[in-house]
N, C-alpha and C. Protein backbone atom coordinates (compact mmCIF):
# COMPACT_ATOMS: atom_id res chain seq x y z
N UNK A 1 -56.00 -24.58 1.10
CA UNK A 1 -56.17 -23.14 0.89
C UNK A 1 -54.81 -22.53 0.57
N UNK A 2 -54.77 -21.73 -0.46
CA UNK A 2 -53.52 -21.10 -0.89
C UNK A 2 -53.39 -19.72 -0.24
N UNK A 3 -52.26 -19.54 0.45
CA UNK A 3 -52.02 -18.26 1.12
C UNK A 3 -50.94 -17.52 0.36
N UNK A 4 -51.28 -16.34 -0.09
CA UNK A 4 -50.30 -15.54 -0.82
C UNK A 4 -49.34 -14.88 0.16
N UNK A 5 -48.05 -14.83 -0.17
CA UNK A 5 -47.09 -14.17 0.71
C UNK A 5 -47.40 -12.69 0.83
N UNK A 6 -47.12 -12.15 2.01
CA UNK A 6 -47.39 -10.74 2.23
C UNK A 6 -46.50 -9.88 1.34
N UNK A 7 -47.04 -8.82 0.80
CA UNK A 7 -46.28 -7.90 -0.03
C UNK A 7 -45.51 -6.93 0.85
N UNK A 8 -44.31 -6.54 0.41
CA UNK A 8 -43.55 -5.56 1.19
C UNK A 8 -44.34 -4.27 1.34
N UNK A 9 -44.18 -3.63 2.47
CA UNK A 9 -44.86 -2.36 2.72
C UNK A 9 -44.27 -1.26 1.86
N UNK A 10 -44.87 -0.06 1.90
CA UNK A 10 -44.39 1.08 1.10
C UNK A 10 -42.93 1.39 1.43
N UNK A 11 -42.11 1.45 0.41
CA UNK A 11 -40.69 1.78 0.59
C UNK A 11 -39.82 0.59 0.94
N UNK A 12 -40.42 -0.47 1.50
CA UNK A 12 -39.62 -1.63 1.93
C UNK A 12 -39.02 -2.36 0.73
N UNK A 13 -39.83 -2.51 -0.34
CA UNK A 13 -39.36 -3.21 -1.51
C UNK A 13 -38.17 -2.49 -2.13
N UNK A 14 -38.22 -1.16 -2.15
CA UNK A 14 -37.12 -0.38 -2.73
C UNK A 14 -35.85 -0.54 -1.91
N UNK A 15 -36.00 -0.53 -0.57
CA UNK A 15 -34.84 -0.70 0.29
C UNK A 15 -34.21 -2.08 0.10
N UNK A 16 -35.06 -3.10 -0.01
CA UNK A 16 -34.55 -4.46 -0.21
C UNK A 16 -33.83 -4.56 -1.55
N UNK A 17 -34.39 -3.93 -2.58
CA UNK A 17 -33.76 -4.01 -3.89
C UNK A 17 -32.38 -3.34 -3.87
N UNK A 18 -32.30 -2.16 -3.25
CA UNK A 18 -31.03 -1.46 -3.21
C UNK A 18 -29.99 -2.23 -2.42
N UNK A 19 -30.43 -2.93 -1.40
CA UNK A 19 -29.51 -3.69 -0.57
C UNK A 19 -28.84 -4.79 -1.37
N UNK A 20 -29.52 -5.28 -2.42
CA UNK A 20 -28.99 -6.40 -3.18
C UNK A 20 -28.19 -5.96 -4.41
N UNK A 21 -28.11 -4.67 -4.66
CA UNK A 21 -27.37 -4.18 -5.83
C UNK A 21 -25.90 -3.99 -5.44
N UNK A 22 -24.97 -4.69 -6.09
CA UNK A 22 -23.56 -4.53 -5.73
C UNK A 22 -23.06 -3.14 -6.06
N UNK A 23 -22.50 -2.47 -5.08
CA UNK A 23 -22.00 -1.12 -5.27
C UNK A 23 -20.52 -1.18 -5.66
N UNK A 24 -20.25 -1.65 -6.88
CA UNK A 24 -18.88 -1.87 -7.34
C UNK A 24 -18.03 -0.61 -7.22
N UNK A 25 -18.58 0.53 -7.65
CA UNK A 25 -17.77 1.75 -7.70
C UNK A 25 -17.29 2.17 -6.32
N UNK A 26 -18.05 1.88 -5.29
CA UNK A 26 -17.66 2.25 -3.93
C UNK A 26 -16.32 1.63 -3.58
N UNK A 27 -16.16 0.34 -3.85
CA UNK A 27 -14.93 -0.36 -3.50
C UNK A 27 -13.75 0.14 -4.31
N UNK A 28 -13.96 0.32 -5.61
CA UNK A 28 -12.86 0.78 -6.45
C UNK A 28 -12.44 2.21 -6.08
N UNK A 29 -13.40 3.03 -5.71
CA UNK A 29 -13.07 4.39 -5.28
C UNK A 29 -12.25 4.39 -4.00
N UNK A 30 -12.61 3.53 -3.05
CA UNK A 30 -11.88 3.47 -1.79
C UNK A 30 -10.47 2.91 -2.00
N UNK A 31 -10.33 1.93 -2.86
CA UNK A 31 -8.99 1.39 -3.16
C UNK A 31 -8.15 2.45 -3.87
N UNK A 32 -8.77 3.23 -4.74
CA UNK A 32 -8.05 4.32 -5.40
C UNK A 32 -7.59 5.37 -4.39
N UNK A 33 -8.42 5.62 -3.38
CA UNK A 33 -8.02 6.55 -2.32
C UNK A 33 -6.77 6.05 -1.61
N UNK A 34 -6.72 4.76 -1.33
CA UNK A 34 -5.56 4.19 -0.65
C UNK A 34 -4.31 4.27 -1.52
N UNK A 35 -4.47 4.05 -2.83
CA UNK A 35 -3.33 4.23 -3.74
C UNK A 35 -2.84 5.68 -3.69
N UNK A 36 -3.78 6.61 -3.58
CA UNK A 36 -3.40 8.01 -3.48
C UNK A 36 -2.56 8.29 -2.24
N UNK A 37 -2.88 7.64 -1.13
CA UNK A 37 -2.06 7.80 0.08
C UNK A 37 -0.67 7.20 -0.11
N UNK A 38 -0.60 6.08 -0.81
CA UNK A 38 0.71 5.48 -1.10
C UNK A 38 1.57 6.43 -1.93
N UNK A 39 0.95 7.09 -2.91
CA UNK A 39 1.68 8.06 -3.74
C UNK A 39 2.18 9.23 -2.90
N UNK A 40 1.35 9.69 -1.97
CA UNK A 40 1.78 10.78 -1.10
C UNK A 40 2.98 10.37 -0.26
N UNK A 41 3.00 9.14 0.21
CA UNK A 41 4.16 8.64 0.95
C UNK A 41 5.41 8.68 0.08
N UNK A 42 5.30 8.25 -1.16
CA UNK A 42 6.44 8.27 -2.07
C UNK A 42 6.97 9.69 -2.26
N UNK A 43 6.06 10.65 -2.38
CA UNK A 43 6.47 12.04 -2.57
C UNK A 43 7.23 12.58 -1.36
N UNK A 44 6.76 12.23 -0.17
CA UNK A 44 7.44 12.69 1.05
C UNK A 44 8.82 12.05 1.15
N UNK A 45 8.92 10.76 0.84
CA UNK A 45 10.22 10.08 0.88
C UNK A 45 11.19 10.72 -0.11
N UNK A 46 10.70 11.05 -1.29
CA UNK A 46 11.56 11.71 -2.27
C UNK A 46 12.02 13.07 -1.76
N UNK A 47 11.13 13.79 -1.10
CA UNK A 47 11.50 15.09 -0.54
C UNK A 47 12.56 14.93 0.55
N UNK A 48 12.39 13.91 1.38
CA UNK A 48 13.35 13.67 2.46
C UNK A 48 14.76 13.42 1.93
N UNK A 49 14.84 12.81 0.75
CA UNK A 49 16.15 12.45 0.21
C UNK A 49 16.91 13.65 -0.36
N UNK A 50 16.24 14.80 -0.44
CA UNK A 50 16.89 15.95 -1.06
C UNK A 50 16.97 17.19 -0.21
N UNK A 51 16.74 17.06 1.11
CA UNK A 51 16.77 18.24 1.97
C UNK A 51 17.82 18.08 3.07
N UNK A 52 18.08 19.16 3.78
CA UNK A 52 19.06 19.15 4.85
C UNK A 52 18.59 18.30 6.03
N UNK A 53 19.56 17.77 6.77
CA UNK A 53 19.25 16.92 7.92
C UNK A 53 18.32 17.62 8.90
N UNK A 54 18.55 18.90 9.15
CA UNK A 54 17.77 19.65 10.13
C UNK A 54 16.30 19.77 9.76
N UNK A 55 15.97 19.58 8.49
CA UNK A 55 14.59 19.74 8.03
C UNK A 55 13.85 18.41 7.91
N UNK A 56 14.58 17.31 7.99
CA UNK A 56 13.98 16.01 7.66
C UNK A 56 12.89 15.58 8.63
N UNK A 57 13.11 15.77 9.93
CA UNK A 57 12.14 15.26 10.89
C UNK A 57 10.78 15.93 10.72
N UNK A 58 10.77 17.22 10.47
CA UNK A 58 9.51 17.92 10.29
C UNK A 58 8.78 17.42 9.05
N UNK A 59 9.52 17.19 7.97
CA UNK A 59 8.89 16.67 6.75
C UNK A 59 8.39 15.25 6.97
N UNK A 60 9.19 14.44 7.67
CA UNK A 60 8.80 13.05 7.92
C UNK A 60 7.51 12.95 8.74
N UNK A 61 7.22 13.96 9.56
CA UNK A 61 6.00 13.94 10.36
C UNK A 61 4.75 13.92 9.49
N UNK A 62 4.87 14.39 8.25
CA UNK A 62 3.70 14.36 7.35
C UNK A 62 3.28 12.93 7.03
N UNK A 63 4.22 11.99 7.14
CA UNK A 63 3.89 10.59 6.87
C UNK A 63 2.91 10.04 7.90
N UNK A 64 2.97 10.57 9.12
CA UNK A 64 2.01 10.14 10.14
C UNK A 64 0.60 10.58 9.74
N UNK A 65 0.48 11.78 9.23
CA UNK A 65 -0.83 12.28 8.80
C UNK A 65 -1.36 11.44 7.64
N UNK A 66 -0.47 11.06 6.72
CA UNK A 66 -0.89 10.23 5.59
C UNK A 66 -1.35 8.87 6.09
N UNK A 67 -0.63 8.31 7.07
CA UNK A 67 -1.04 7.04 7.66
C UNK A 67 -2.39 7.13 8.31
N UNK A 68 -2.67 8.24 8.99
CA UNK A 68 -3.99 8.43 9.61
C UNK A 68 -5.08 8.48 8.55
N UNK A 69 -4.80 9.13 7.42
CA UNK A 69 -5.78 9.19 6.34
C UNK A 69 -5.99 7.82 5.73
N UNK A 70 -4.90 7.03 5.61
CA UNK A 70 -5.03 5.66 5.10
C UNK A 70 -5.90 4.82 6.03
N UNK A 71 -5.79 5.04 7.34
CA UNK A 71 -6.65 4.34 8.29
C UNK A 71 -8.11 4.70 8.05
N UNK A 72 -8.38 5.98 7.79
CA UNK A 72 -9.76 6.40 7.51
C UNK A 72 -10.27 5.78 6.21
N UNK A 73 -9.40 5.71 5.19
CA UNK A 73 -9.80 5.10 3.92
C UNK A 73 -10.11 3.62 4.11
N UNK A 74 -9.31 2.94 4.95
CA UNK A 74 -9.58 1.53 5.22
C UNK A 74 -10.89 1.38 5.99
N UNK A 75 -11.16 2.33 6.88
CA UNK A 75 -12.45 2.30 7.57
C UNK A 75 -13.61 2.41 6.60
N UNK A 76 -13.43 3.20 5.54
CA UNK A 76 -14.47 3.32 4.52
C UNK A 76 -14.66 2.01 3.77
N UNK A 77 -13.57 1.28 3.53
CA UNK A 77 -13.67 -0.05 2.90
C UNK A 77 -14.49 -0.98 3.79
N UNK A 78 -14.22 -0.96 5.08
CA UNK A 78 -14.94 -1.83 6.02
C UNK A 78 -16.42 -1.47 6.06
N UNK A 79 -16.74 -0.17 6.04
CA UNK A 79 -18.15 0.23 6.03
C UNK A 79 -18.84 -0.25 4.77
N UNK A 80 -18.15 -0.15 3.64
CA UNK A 80 -18.74 -0.61 2.38
C UNK A 80 -18.99 -2.11 2.41
N UNK A 81 -18.09 -2.85 3.05
CA UNK A 81 -18.28 -4.29 3.16
C UNK A 81 -19.47 -4.62 4.05
N UNK A 82 -19.66 -3.85 5.11
CA UNK A 82 -20.81 -4.08 6.00
C UNK A 82 -22.12 -3.76 5.31
N UNK A 83 -22.12 -2.75 4.47
CA UNK A 83 -23.36 -2.25 3.88
C UNK A 83 -23.73 -2.95 2.58
N UNK A 84 -22.84 -3.73 2.00
CA UNK A 84 -23.10 -4.40 0.71
C UNK A 84 -22.67 -5.85 0.80
N UNK A 85 -23.65 -6.76 0.82
CA UNK A 85 -23.28 -8.16 0.91
C UNK A 85 -23.09 -8.79 -0.48
N UNK A 86 -23.40 -8.05 -1.54
CA UNK A 86 -23.03 -8.47 -2.89
C UNK A 86 -21.88 -7.56 -3.33
N UNK A 87 -20.74 -8.15 -3.61
CA UNK A 87 -19.54 -7.40 -3.95
C UNK A 87 -19.01 -7.85 -5.30
N UNK A 88 -18.17 -7.03 -5.96
CA UNK A 88 -17.71 -7.39 -7.31
C UNK A 88 -16.89 -8.68 -7.35
N UNK A 89 -16.24 -9.02 -6.25
CA UNK A 89 -15.57 -10.32 -6.12
C UNK A 89 -15.45 -10.62 -4.64
N UNK A 90 -14.76 -11.69 -4.31
CA UNK A 90 -14.71 -12.23 -2.96
C UNK A 90 -14.52 -11.15 -1.89
N UNK A 91 -15.37 -11.15 -0.87
CA UNK A 91 -15.34 -10.13 0.17
C UNK A 91 -14.02 -10.12 0.93
N UNK A 92 -13.52 -11.31 1.23
CA UNK A 92 -12.25 -11.38 1.97
C UNK A 92 -11.10 -10.79 1.15
N UNK A 93 -11.11 -11.03 -0.16
CA UNK A 93 -10.06 -10.47 -1.01
C UNK A 93 -10.14 -8.95 -1.08
N UNK A 94 -11.36 -8.43 -1.11
CA UNK A 94 -11.53 -6.97 -1.07
C UNK A 94 -10.96 -6.39 0.23
N UNK A 95 -11.26 -7.07 1.33
CA UNK A 95 -10.72 -6.63 2.62
C UNK A 95 -9.19 -6.65 2.61
N UNK A 96 -8.62 -7.75 2.10
CA UNK A 96 -7.17 -7.89 2.12
C UNK A 96 -6.48 -6.88 1.20
N UNK A 97 -7.10 -6.56 0.07
CA UNK A 97 -6.52 -5.52 -0.79
C UNK A 97 -6.39 -4.21 -0.02
N UNK A 98 -7.47 -3.80 0.62
CA UNK A 98 -7.43 -2.56 1.39
C UNK A 98 -6.46 -2.65 2.56
N UNK A 99 -6.47 -3.77 3.25
CA UNK A 99 -5.59 -3.95 4.41
C UNK A 99 -4.12 -3.80 4.03
N UNK A 100 -3.71 -4.46 2.96
CA UNK A 100 -2.29 -4.42 2.58
C UNK A 100 -1.90 -3.05 2.02
N UNK A 101 -2.82 -2.37 1.34
CA UNK A 101 -2.51 -1.02 0.88
C UNK A 101 -2.31 -0.08 2.06
N UNK A 102 -3.20 -0.19 3.05
CA UNK A 102 -3.04 0.61 4.27
C UNK A 102 -1.73 0.26 4.96
N UNK A 103 -1.41 -1.02 5.02
CA UNK A 103 -0.18 -1.47 5.67
C UNK A 103 1.05 -0.90 4.97
N UNK A 104 1.03 -0.84 3.64
CA UNK A 104 2.15 -0.28 2.89
C UNK A 104 2.38 1.18 3.29
N UNK A 105 1.30 1.93 3.46
CA UNK A 105 1.46 3.33 3.88
C UNK A 105 2.21 3.42 5.20
N UNK A 106 1.87 2.55 6.14
CA UNK A 106 2.54 2.58 7.44
C UNK A 106 3.98 2.08 7.35
N UNK A 107 4.23 1.13 6.47
CA UNK A 107 5.60 0.65 6.27
C UNK A 107 6.47 1.73 5.63
N UNK A 108 5.91 2.48 4.70
CA UNK A 108 6.64 3.59 4.10
C UNK A 108 6.88 4.69 5.14
N UNK A 109 5.92 4.87 6.04
CA UNK A 109 6.11 5.82 7.15
C UNK A 109 7.32 5.39 7.98
N UNK A 110 7.42 4.09 8.27
CA UNK A 110 8.55 3.59 9.04
C UNK A 110 9.88 3.85 8.35
N UNK A 111 9.90 3.63 7.04
CA UNK A 111 11.12 3.90 6.27
C UNK A 111 11.47 5.38 6.32
N UNK A 112 10.47 6.23 6.24
CA UNK A 112 10.72 7.66 6.30
C UNK A 112 11.25 8.10 7.64
N UNK A 113 10.77 7.48 8.72
CA UNK A 113 11.25 7.81 10.05
C UNK A 113 12.75 7.53 10.17
N UNK A 114 13.19 6.38 9.65
CA UNK A 114 14.61 6.05 9.71
C UNK A 114 15.41 6.95 8.77
N UNK A 115 14.85 7.23 7.60
CA UNK A 115 15.54 8.07 6.62
C UNK A 115 15.81 9.47 7.17
N UNK A 116 14.95 9.93 8.09
CA UNK A 116 15.11 11.26 8.67
C UNK A 116 16.14 11.29 9.80
N UNK A 117 16.80 10.17 10.06
CA UNK A 117 17.76 10.09 11.16
C UNK A 117 18.89 11.11 11.00
N UNK A 118 19.32 11.68 12.11
CA UNK A 118 20.43 12.62 12.10
C UNK A 118 21.76 11.92 11.82
N UNK A 119 21.75 10.60 11.81
CA UNK A 119 22.98 9.86 11.49
C UNK A 119 23.39 10.04 10.04
N UNK A 120 22.44 10.44 9.19
CA UNK A 120 22.70 10.51 7.76
C UNK A 120 23.00 11.95 7.31
N UNK A 121 24.21 12.40 7.57
CA UNK A 121 24.62 13.65 6.95
C UNK A 121 24.64 13.48 5.44
N UNK A 122 25.06 12.31 5.02
CA UNK A 122 25.05 11.93 3.60
C UNK A 122 24.32 10.61 3.50
N UNK A 123 23.35 10.52 2.59
CA UNK A 123 22.54 9.30 2.48
C UNK A 123 23.38 8.14 1.97
N UNK A 124 23.11 6.94 2.45
CA UNK A 124 23.86 5.76 2.00
C UNK A 124 23.69 5.50 0.51
N UNK A 125 24.65 4.80 -0.04
CA UNK A 125 24.58 4.40 -1.44
C UNK A 125 23.36 3.49 -1.64
N UNK A 126 22.62 3.75 -2.70
CA UNK A 126 21.48 2.90 -3.04
C UNK A 126 20.14 3.42 -2.56
N UNK A 127 20.12 4.49 -1.74
CA UNK A 127 18.85 4.98 -1.22
C UNK A 127 17.97 5.54 -2.34
N UNK A 128 18.53 6.37 -3.18
CA UNK A 128 17.72 6.98 -4.25
C UNK A 128 17.17 5.91 -5.19
N UNK A 129 18.00 4.91 -5.49
CA UNK A 129 17.54 3.82 -6.36
C UNK A 129 16.42 3.04 -5.70
N UNK A 130 16.52 2.82 -4.38
CA UNK A 130 15.47 2.09 -3.66
C UNK A 130 14.17 2.87 -3.66
N UNK A 131 14.25 4.17 -3.42
CA UNK A 131 13.04 4.99 -3.45
C UNK A 131 12.37 4.94 -4.82
N UNK A 132 13.18 4.90 -5.88
CA UNK A 132 12.63 4.81 -7.23
C UNK A 132 11.90 3.48 -7.43
N UNK A 133 12.46 2.40 -6.87
CA UNK A 133 11.81 1.08 -7.01
C UNK A 133 10.49 1.06 -6.26
N UNK A 134 10.47 1.59 -5.04
CA UNK A 134 9.22 1.63 -4.26
C UNK A 134 8.16 2.47 -4.97
N UNK A 135 8.59 3.57 -5.57
CA UNK A 135 7.66 4.40 -6.34
C UNK A 135 7.13 3.62 -7.55
N UNK A 136 8.00 2.82 -8.17
CA UNK A 136 7.60 2.00 -9.31
C UNK A 136 6.57 0.96 -8.88
N UNK A 137 6.76 0.38 -7.70
CA UNK A 137 5.78 -0.58 -7.19
C UNK A 137 4.42 0.10 -6.98
N UNK A 138 4.44 1.34 -6.51
CA UNK A 138 3.19 2.07 -6.33
C UNK A 138 2.53 2.35 -7.68
N UNK A 139 3.32 2.71 -8.69
CA UNK A 139 2.77 2.95 -10.03
C UNK A 139 2.11 1.70 -10.58
N UNK A 140 2.75 0.55 -10.40
CA UNK A 140 2.15 -0.72 -10.85
C UNK A 140 0.84 -0.98 -10.10
N UNK A 141 0.81 -0.65 -8.80
CA UNK A 141 -0.39 -0.87 -8.01
C UNK A 141 -1.53 0.03 -8.48
N UNK A 142 -1.20 1.27 -8.82
CA UNK A 142 -2.21 2.19 -9.33
C UNK A 142 -2.83 1.66 -10.62
N UNK A 143 -1.98 1.15 -11.52
CA UNK A 143 -2.51 0.58 -12.78
C UNK A 143 -3.35 -0.66 -12.50
N UNK A 144 -2.92 -1.47 -11.54
CA UNK A 144 -3.68 -2.67 -11.21
C UNK A 144 -5.08 -2.32 -10.74
N UNK A 145 -5.20 -1.33 -9.86
CA UNK A 145 -6.50 -0.93 -9.33
C UNK A 145 -7.37 -0.34 -10.44
N UNK A 146 -6.76 0.43 -11.32
CA UNK A 146 -7.51 1.02 -12.44
C UNK A 146 -8.09 -0.06 -13.34
N UNK A 147 -7.33 -1.14 -13.54
CA UNK A 147 -7.76 -2.22 -14.43
C UNK A 147 -8.67 -3.23 -13.74
N UNK A 148 -8.72 -3.20 -12.41
CA UNK A 148 -9.41 -4.25 -11.66
C UNK A 148 -10.89 -4.42 -12.02
N UNK A 149 -11.65 -3.35 -12.30
CA UNK A 149 -13.06 -3.56 -12.64
C UNK A 149 -13.28 -4.43 -13.87
N UNK A 150 -12.35 -4.42 -14.81
CA UNK A 150 -12.55 -5.19 -16.03
C UNK A 150 -11.59 -6.35 -16.23
N UNK A 151 -10.59 -6.47 -15.33
CA UNK A 151 -9.59 -7.52 -15.52
C UNK A 151 -9.17 -8.05 -14.15
N UNK A 152 -9.72 -9.21 -13.78
CA UNK A 152 -9.37 -9.82 -12.50
C UNK A 152 -8.13 -10.70 -12.61
N UNK A 153 -7.74 -11.05 -13.83
CA UNK A 153 -6.55 -11.88 -14.05
C UNK A 153 -5.37 -10.95 -14.34
N UNK A 154 -4.58 -10.65 -13.29
CA UNK A 154 -3.48 -9.69 -13.43
C UNK A 154 -2.16 -10.30 -12.95
N UNK A 155 -1.77 -11.38 -13.59
CA UNK A 155 -0.52 -12.04 -13.24
C UNK A 155 0.68 -11.16 -13.57
N UNK A 156 0.53 -10.26 -14.55
CA UNK A 156 1.64 -9.35 -14.87
C UNK A 156 1.97 -8.46 -13.69
N UNK A 157 0.96 -8.05 -12.93
CA UNK A 157 1.21 -7.25 -11.73
C UNK A 157 1.99 -8.06 -10.70
N UNK A 158 1.57 -9.29 -10.48
CA UNK A 158 2.23 -10.14 -9.49
C UNK A 158 3.70 -10.33 -9.84
N UNK A 159 3.97 -10.63 -11.10
CA UNK A 159 5.35 -10.85 -11.53
C UNK A 159 6.19 -9.58 -11.40
N UNK A 160 5.63 -8.45 -11.81
CA UNK A 160 6.37 -7.18 -11.74
C UNK A 160 6.71 -6.80 -10.30
N UNK A 161 5.74 -6.95 -9.41
CA UNK A 161 5.96 -6.60 -8.00
C UNK A 161 7.04 -7.48 -7.39
N UNK A 162 7.01 -8.77 -7.69
CA UNK A 162 8.03 -9.67 -7.14
C UNK A 162 9.42 -9.31 -7.65
N UNK A 163 9.53 -9.01 -8.93
CA UNK A 163 10.83 -8.63 -9.49
C UNK A 163 11.37 -7.36 -8.84
N UNK A 164 10.50 -6.39 -8.61
CA UNK A 164 10.92 -5.14 -7.99
C UNK A 164 11.34 -5.36 -6.53
N UNK A 165 10.67 -6.26 -5.85
CA UNK A 165 11.06 -6.58 -4.46
C UNK A 165 12.46 -7.18 -4.42
N UNK A 166 12.77 -8.04 -5.38
CA UNK A 166 14.13 -8.60 -5.45
C UNK A 166 15.16 -7.48 -5.65
N UNK A 167 14.79 -6.46 -6.41
CA UNK A 167 15.71 -5.33 -6.61
C UNK A 167 15.98 -4.60 -5.30
N UNK A 168 14.93 -4.41 -4.50
CA UNK A 168 15.11 -3.75 -3.21
C UNK A 168 16.02 -4.59 -2.31
N UNK A 169 15.85 -5.90 -2.33
CA UNK A 169 16.72 -6.76 -1.54
C UNK A 169 18.18 -6.60 -1.96
N UNK A 170 18.43 -6.57 -3.26
CA UNK A 170 19.79 -6.41 -3.76
C UNK A 170 20.37 -5.06 -3.35
N UNK A 171 19.54 -4.02 -3.40
CA UNK A 171 20.01 -2.69 -3.00
C UNK A 171 20.29 -2.61 -1.50
N UNK A 172 19.58 -3.43 -0.72
CA UNK A 172 19.85 -3.45 0.72
C UNK A 172 21.28 -3.90 1.00
N UNK A 173 21.74 -4.91 0.28
CA UNK A 173 23.11 -5.39 0.47
C UNK A 173 24.11 -4.32 0.07
N UNK A 174 23.77 -3.58 -0.97
CA UNK A 174 24.66 -2.49 -1.39
C UNK A 174 24.74 -1.41 -0.32
N UNK A 175 23.58 -1.09 0.29
CA UNK A 175 23.55 -0.09 1.35
C UNK A 175 24.33 -0.55 2.58
N UNK A 176 24.29 -1.85 2.84
CA UNK A 176 24.86 -2.39 4.07
C UNK A 176 26.32 -2.79 3.94
N UNK A 177 26.97 -2.38 2.87
CA UNK A 177 28.39 -2.71 2.68
C UNK A 177 29.19 -2.21 3.88
N UNK A 178 29.73 -3.13 4.65
CA UNK A 178 30.35 -2.79 5.94
C UNK A 178 31.64 -1.99 5.79
N UNK A 179 32.37 -2.17 4.70
CA UNK A 179 33.68 -1.53 4.58
C UNK A 179 33.56 -0.01 4.54
N UNK A 180 32.80 0.58 3.59
CA UNK A 180 32.69 2.05 3.61
C UNK A 180 31.90 2.56 4.80
N UNK A 181 30.91 1.81 5.26
CA UNK A 181 30.08 2.27 6.36
C UNK A 181 30.85 2.32 7.68
N UNK A 182 31.77 1.38 7.86
CA UNK A 182 32.52 1.33 9.11
C UNK A 182 33.37 2.58 9.31
N UNK A 183 33.74 3.24 8.24
CA UNK A 183 34.53 4.46 8.35
C UNK A 183 33.74 5.61 8.96
N UNK A 184 32.43 5.47 8.96
CA UNK A 184 31.57 6.53 9.50
C UNK A 184 31.13 6.23 10.93
N UNK A 185 31.50 5.08 11.45
CA UNK A 185 31.20 4.78 12.84
C UNK A 185 30.04 3.84 13.04
N UNK A 186 29.91 3.35 14.28
CA UNK A 186 28.90 2.35 14.61
C UNK A 186 27.48 2.90 14.49
N UNK A 187 27.28 4.16 14.89
CA UNK A 187 25.94 4.76 14.81
C UNK A 187 25.45 4.78 13.37
N UNK A 188 26.33 5.17 12.46
CA UNK A 188 25.98 5.22 11.05
C UNK A 188 25.66 3.82 10.53
N UNK A 189 26.48 2.84 10.89
CA UNK A 189 26.26 1.47 10.42
C UNK A 189 24.92 0.94 10.91
N UNK A 190 24.60 1.23 12.17
CA UNK A 190 23.32 0.76 12.73
C UNK A 190 22.14 1.40 12.01
N UNK A 191 22.24 2.71 11.75
CA UNK A 191 21.16 3.41 11.06
C UNK A 191 20.98 2.88 9.64
N UNK A 192 22.09 2.59 8.96
CA UNK A 192 22.00 2.03 7.61
C UNK A 192 21.31 0.68 7.62
N UNK A 193 21.66 -0.15 8.60
CA UNK A 193 21.02 -1.47 8.71
C UNK A 193 19.52 -1.34 8.93
N UNK A 194 19.13 -0.42 9.82
CA UNK A 194 17.70 -0.21 10.08
C UNK A 194 16.98 0.30 8.84
N UNK A 195 17.63 1.19 8.10
CA UNK A 195 17.01 1.74 6.89
C UNK A 195 16.82 0.66 5.84
N UNK A 196 17.85 -0.17 5.64
CA UNK A 196 17.73 -1.24 4.67
C UNK A 196 16.61 -2.20 5.02
N UNK A 197 16.48 -2.54 6.30
CA UNK A 197 15.41 -3.43 6.73
C UNK A 197 14.04 -2.79 6.53
N UNK A 198 13.95 -1.48 6.81
CA UNK A 198 12.67 -0.79 6.63
C UNK A 198 12.26 -0.77 5.16
N UNK A 199 13.22 -0.57 4.27
CA UNK A 199 12.93 -0.58 2.84
C UNK A 199 12.46 -1.96 2.39
N UNK A 200 13.11 -3.00 2.87
CA UNK A 200 12.73 -4.36 2.48
C UNK A 200 11.34 -4.70 3.00
N UNK A 201 11.03 -4.29 4.23
CA UNK A 201 9.68 -4.54 4.77
C UNK A 201 8.63 -3.86 3.91
N UNK A 202 8.93 -2.63 3.48
CA UNK A 202 7.96 -1.92 2.63
C UNK A 202 7.78 -2.65 1.30
N UNK A 203 8.88 -3.11 0.71
CA UNK A 203 8.79 -3.84 -0.56
C UNK A 203 7.99 -5.12 -0.39
N UNK A 204 8.19 -5.81 0.73
CA UNK A 204 7.43 -7.04 0.97
C UNK A 204 5.96 -6.76 1.24
N UNK A 205 5.65 -5.53 1.68
CA UNK A 205 4.24 -5.16 1.78
C UNK A 205 3.56 -5.24 0.42
N UNK A 206 4.27 -4.81 -0.62
CA UNK A 206 3.74 -4.92 -1.99
C UNK A 206 3.64 -6.39 -2.40
N UNK A 207 4.61 -7.21 -1.98
CA UNK A 207 4.55 -8.64 -2.32
C UNK A 207 3.32 -9.28 -1.71
N UNK A 208 2.99 -8.92 -0.46
CA UNK A 208 1.78 -9.46 0.17
C UNK A 208 0.54 -9.01 -0.59
N UNK A 209 0.54 -7.78 -1.06
CA UNK A 209 -0.57 -7.30 -1.89
C UNK A 209 -0.66 -8.12 -3.17
N UNK A 210 0.50 -8.44 -3.75
CA UNK A 210 0.52 -9.25 -4.96
C UNK A 210 -0.07 -10.64 -4.75
N UNK A 211 0.09 -11.19 -3.55
CA UNK A 211 -0.49 -12.50 -3.26
C UNK A 211 -2.01 -12.44 -3.30
N UNK A 212 -2.58 -11.33 -2.87
CA UNK A 212 -4.03 -11.18 -2.93
C UNK A 212 -4.49 -11.08 -4.38
N UNK A 213 -3.74 -10.32 -5.19
CA UNK A 213 -4.08 -10.19 -6.61
C UNK A 213 -4.00 -11.57 -7.28
N UNK A 214 -3.01 -12.36 -6.90
CA UNK A 214 -2.90 -13.72 -7.43
C UNK A 214 -4.09 -14.58 -7.02
N UNK A 215 -4.50 -14.46 -5.76
CA UNK A 215 -5.66 -15.24 -5.28
C UNK A 215 -6.93 -14.85 -6.04
N UNK A 216 -7.08 -13.56 -6.32
CA UNK A 216 -8.25 -13.12 -7.10
C UNK A 216 -8.22 -13.73 -8.49
N UNK A 217 -7.03 -13.74 -9.11
CA UNK A 217 -6.90 -14.31 -10.45
C UNK A 217 -7.25 -15.79 -10.46
N UNK A 218 -6.83 -16.51 -9.43
CA UNK A 218 -7.08 -17.95 -9.37
C UNK A 218 -8.57 -18.24 -9.16
N UNK A 219 -9.21 -17.49 -8.28
CA UNK A 219 -10.60 -17.80 -7.91
C UNK A 219 -11.63 -17.19 -8.84
N UNK A 220 -11.33 -16.02 -9.40
CA UNK A 220 -12.37 -15.25 -10.07
C UNK A 220 -12.28 -15.22 -11.59
N UNK A 221 -11.08 -15.46 -12.15
CA UNK A 221 -10.93 -15.29 -13.59
C UNK A 221 -11.13 -16.61 -14.33
């Protein structure tokens, strides 16, 4: 005897169908939101580099708010992953993209906290150039996310990000030049060292993001 499978009840078939439709735009929108938070961090850092010492701490506090918003954006990525088991590409890679973008926001917050130090009556040599490089890394990331729906093979992004990170490393040595810094005292030298390390950590946050983009290119393209 042949038994026909039970048909889905009213509305059940529609729910099942929607569950299986990959919501590509949701993920790209959330990643774009995270890029927007990275841009806001860059703007605050640029503002910090051009204002009086007495005003820096208050401006730097805005980076905490941006970090909180990045946490909310990452939460939206996680919700989208829970609600859609068909994704435009590997689920773990989608998670890692969002994770590293959120992490970059917090790393830039850390750099801003040090940059607001009262030790810096005058900013160290190389700070403005470093901020420009970090902003450039964010611009490359924005273009990468914009192109991601149609181009999973983005080795140009990986190469550009790595080159820019090397520039930040070189600028760190310029900032940490002990001879001119020693004339300003131990407190100044310590603050410069902390700032250089914070900048390098932020740059390496982009490098970690580049590793995910490379993994996507290897597996998906």
